[in-house]
C-alpha atoms as a PDB file:
ATOM      1  CA  MET A   1      25.746 -22.503 -13.615  1.00  0.00           C
ATOM      2  CA  LYS A   2      22.274 -21.339 -14.732  1.00  0.00           C
ATOM      3  CA  GLU A   3      20.908 -24.848 -14.067  1.00  0.00           C
ATOM      4  CA  MET A   4      22.098 -24.633 -10.473  1.00  0.00           C
ATOM      5  CA  GLU A   5      20.513 -21.187  -9.997  1.00  0.00           C
ATOM      6  CA  SER A   6      17.237 -22.327 -11.411  1.00  0.00           C
ATOM      7  CA  ALA A   7      17.220 -25.483  -9.271  1.00  0.00           C
ATOM      8  CA  ALA A   8      18.007 -23.381  -6.162  1.00  0.00           C
ATOM      9  CA  SER A   9      15.201 -20.915  -6.934  1.00  0.00           C
ATOM     10  CA  LYS A  10      12.743 -23.813  -7.432  1.00  0.00           C
ATOM     11  CA  LEU A  11      13.654 -25.138  -3.970  1.00  0.00           C
ATOM     12  CA  ILE A  12      13.634 -21.732  -2.241  1.00  0.00           C
ATOM     13  CA  SER A  13      10.585 -20.213  -3.896  1.00  0.00           C
ATOM     14  CA  PRO A  14       7.902 -22.468  -2.306  1.00  0.00           C
ATOM     15  CA  ILE A  15       9.508 -21.891   1.107  1.00  0.00           C
ATOM     16  CA  LEU A  16       9.394 -18.139   0.906  1.00  0.00           C
ATOM     17  CA  SER A  17       5.965 -17.867  -0.765  1.00  0.00           C
ATOM     18  CA  ALA A  18       2.770 -17.685   1.270  1.00  0.00           C
ATOM     19  CA  ASP A  19       1.182 -20.800   2.758  1.00  0.00           C
ATOM     20  CA  ALA A  20      -2.551 -21.415   2.344  1.00  0.00           C
ATOM     21  CA  ALA A  21      -3.023 -21.355   6.155  1.00  0.00           C
ATOM     22  CA  ASP A  22      -1.187 -17.962   6.503  1.00  0.00           C
ATOM     23  CA  PRO A  23      -2.351 -15.931   3.553  1.00  0.00           C
ATOM     24  CA  MET A  24      -1.313 -12.410   4.580  1.00  0.00           C
ATOM     25  CA  GLN A  25       2.399 -11.758   5.073  1.00  0.00           C
ATOM     26  CA  LYS A  26       4.673  -8.842   5.899  1.00  0.00           C
ATOM     27  CA  ILE A  27       8.008  -8.807   4.001  1.00  0.00           C
ATOM     28  CA  VAL A  28      10.881  -6.498   4.925  1.00  0.00           C
ATOM     29  CA  ILE A  29      13.707  -6.010   2.340  1.00  0.00           C
ATOM     30  CA  GLU A  30      16.689  -3.759   2.900  1.00  0.00           C
ATOM     31  CA  VAL A  31      17.664  -1.753  -0.198  1.00  0.00           C
ATOM     32  CA  PRO A  32      20.081   1.088  -0.923  1.00  0.00           C
ATOM     33  CA  LEU A  33      18.209   4.330  -1.381  1.00  0.00           C
ATOM     34  CA  HIS A  34      20.606   7.061  -2.422  1.00  0.00           C
ATOM     35  CA  CYS A  35      18.235   9.276  -4.398  1.00  0.00           C
ATOM     36  CA  GLU A  36      14.622   9.786  -5.446  1.00  0.00           C
ATOM     37  CA  LYS A  37      15.184   7.696  -8.575  1.00  0.00           C
ATOM     38  CA  CYS A  38      16.163   4.679  -6.437  1.00  0.00           C
ATOM     39  CA  ARG A  39      13.015   5.104  -4.282  1.00  0.00           C
ATOM     40  CA  SER A  40      10.956   5.246  -7.447  1.00  0.00           C
ATOM     41  CA  LYS A  41      12.493   2.024  -8.824  1.00  0.00           C
ATOM     42  CA  VAL A  42      11.906   0.182  -5.583  1.00  0.00           C
ATOM     43  CA  MET A  43       8.297   1.309  -5.331  1.00  0.00           C
ATOM     44  CA  SER A  44       7.516   0.465  -8.945  1.00  0.00           C
ATOM     45  CA  ILE A  45       8.892  -3.064  -8.513  1.00  0.00           C
ATOM     46  CA  ALA A  46       7.171  -3.682  -5.124  1.00  0.00           C
ATOM     47  CA  ALA A  47       3.857  -2.205  -6.160  1.00  0.00           C
ATOM     48  CA  VAL A  48       3.403  -4.291  -9.325  1.00  0.00           C
ATOM     49  CA  ALA A  49       4.347  -7.626  -7.756  1.00  0.00           C
ATOM     50  CA  GLU A  50       1.495 -10.144  -7.756  1.00  0.00           C
ATOM     51  CA  GLY A  51      -0.464 -10.224  -4.523  1.00  0.00           C
ATOM     52  CA  VAL A  52       0.881  -6.973  -3.006  1.00  0.00           C
ATOM     53  CA  THR A  53      -1.667  -5.069  -0.958  1.00  0.00           C
ATOM     54  CA  SER A  54       0.617  -2.209   0.208  1.00  0.00           C
ATOM     55  CA  ALA A  55       4.277  -1.126   0.030  1.00  0.00           C
ATOM     56  CA  ALA A  56       5.944   1.487   2.143  1.00  0.00           C
ATOM     57  CA  PHE A  57       9.423   2.646   3.336  1.00  0.00           C
ATOM     58  CA  GLU A  58      10.429   2.055   6.919  1.00  0.00           C
ATOM     59  CA  ARG A  59      13.087   3.288   9.384  1.00  0.00           C
ATOM     60  CA  LYS A  60      14.541   6.733   9.811  1.00  0.00           C
ATOM     61  CA  GLU A  61      16.914   6.390   6.928  1.00  0.00           C
ATOM     62  CA  LYS A  62      14.059   4.836   4.822  1.00  0.00           C
ATOM     63  CA  ASP A  63      16.337   2.075   3.605  1.00  0.00           C
ATOM     64  CA  GLN A  64      13.835  -0.749   4.079  1.00  0.00           C
ATOM     65  CA  VAL A  65      10.763  -1.426   2.057  1.00  0.00           C
ATOM     66  CA  VAL A  66       7.859  -3.177   3.775  1.00  0.00           C
ATOM     67  CA  ILE A  67       5.555  -5.172   1.512  1.00  0.00           C
ATOM     68  CA  ILE A  68       2.289  -6.492   2.770  1.00  0.00           C
ATOM     69  CA  GLY A  69       0.244  -8.903   0.670  1.00  0.00           C
ATOM     70  CA  GLU A  70      -1.272 -12.248   0.034  1.00  0.00           C
ATOM     71  CA  GLY A  71       0.632 -14.898  -1.969  1.00  0.00           C
ATOM     72  CA  VAL A  72       3.635 -12.675  -2.714  1.00  0.00           C
ATOM     73  CA  ASP A  73       6.632 -14.548  -4.163  1.00  0.00           C
ATOM     74  CA  VAL A  74       9.396 -13.186  -1.951  1.00  0.00           C
ATOM     75  CA  ALA A  75      12.200 -14.704  -4.009  1.00  0.00           C
ATOM     76  CA  THR A  76      10.954 -13.034  -7.253  1.00  0.00           C
ATOM     77  CA  VAL A  77      10.549  -9.607  -5.676  1.00  0.00           C
ATOM     78  CA  THR A  78      14.011  -9.756  -4.089  1.00  0.00           C
ATOM     79  CA  LYS A  79      15.547 -10.954  -7.345  1.00  0.00           C
ATOM     80  CA  ARG A  80      13.960  -8.067  -9.302  1.00  0.00           C
ATOM     81  CA  LEU A  81      15.197  -5.544  -6.790  1.00  0.00           C
ATOM     82  CA  ARG A  82      18.707  -6.987  -6.997  1.00  0.00           C
ATOM     83  CA  ARG A  83      18.632  -6.724 -10.833  1.00  0.00           C
ATOM     84  CA  LYS A  84      17.694  -3.024 -10.687  1.00  0.00           C
ATOM     85  CA  LEU A  85      19.588  -1.835  -7.665  1.00  0.00           C
ATOM     86  CA  ARG A  86      22.491  -4.319  -7.518  1.00  0.00           C
ATOM     87  CA  TYR A  87      21.799  -4.972  -3.817  1.00  0.00           C
ATOM     88  CA  ALA A  88      18.723  -6.130  -1.822  1.00  0.00           C
ATOM     89  CA  SER A  89      18.738  -8.119   1.339  1.00  0.00           C
ATOM     90  CA  LEU A  90      15.663  -9.988   2.702  1.00  0.00           C
ATOM     91  CA  VAL A  91      15.331  -9.025   6.397  1.00  0.00           C
ATOM     92  CA  SER A  92      12.172 -10.881   7.418  1.00  0.00           C
ATOM     93  CA  VAL A  93       8.990 -12.554   6.363  1.00  0.00           C
ATOM     94  CA  ASP A  94       6.214 -12.628   9.006  1.00  0.00           C
ATOM     95  CA  LYS A  95       2.550 -13.382   8.913  1.00  0.00           C
ATOM     96  CA  VAL A  96       0.139 -10.484   9.483  1.00  0.00           C
ATOM     97  CA  GLU A  97      -2.340 -10.824  12.294  1.00  0.00           C
ATOM     98  CA  ASN A  98      -5.849  -9.608  11.282  1.00  0.00           C
ATOM     99  CA  THR A  99      -7.295  -7.938  14.317  1.00  0.00           C
END
């Protein structure tokens, strides 16, 4: 079972990570935020991920974290959030236009 998971993560990881042509990306991940401790866990995971420039909460309910950065491994960040919070859903990965 672990072999299948590692094989799947090796296939998905390059797809979700940043391309050389589009270095900056905006990642939106939905997470359950029931208390201040949950918010703190999310922010600590998002802020220390490699390549992250900024991390902030979005929406009225503040249940989405928006991560902006260069070369961020989306699969790893989502996996770490799932480990800590038991649920995290990747909403979108878009490139950021520098204007």
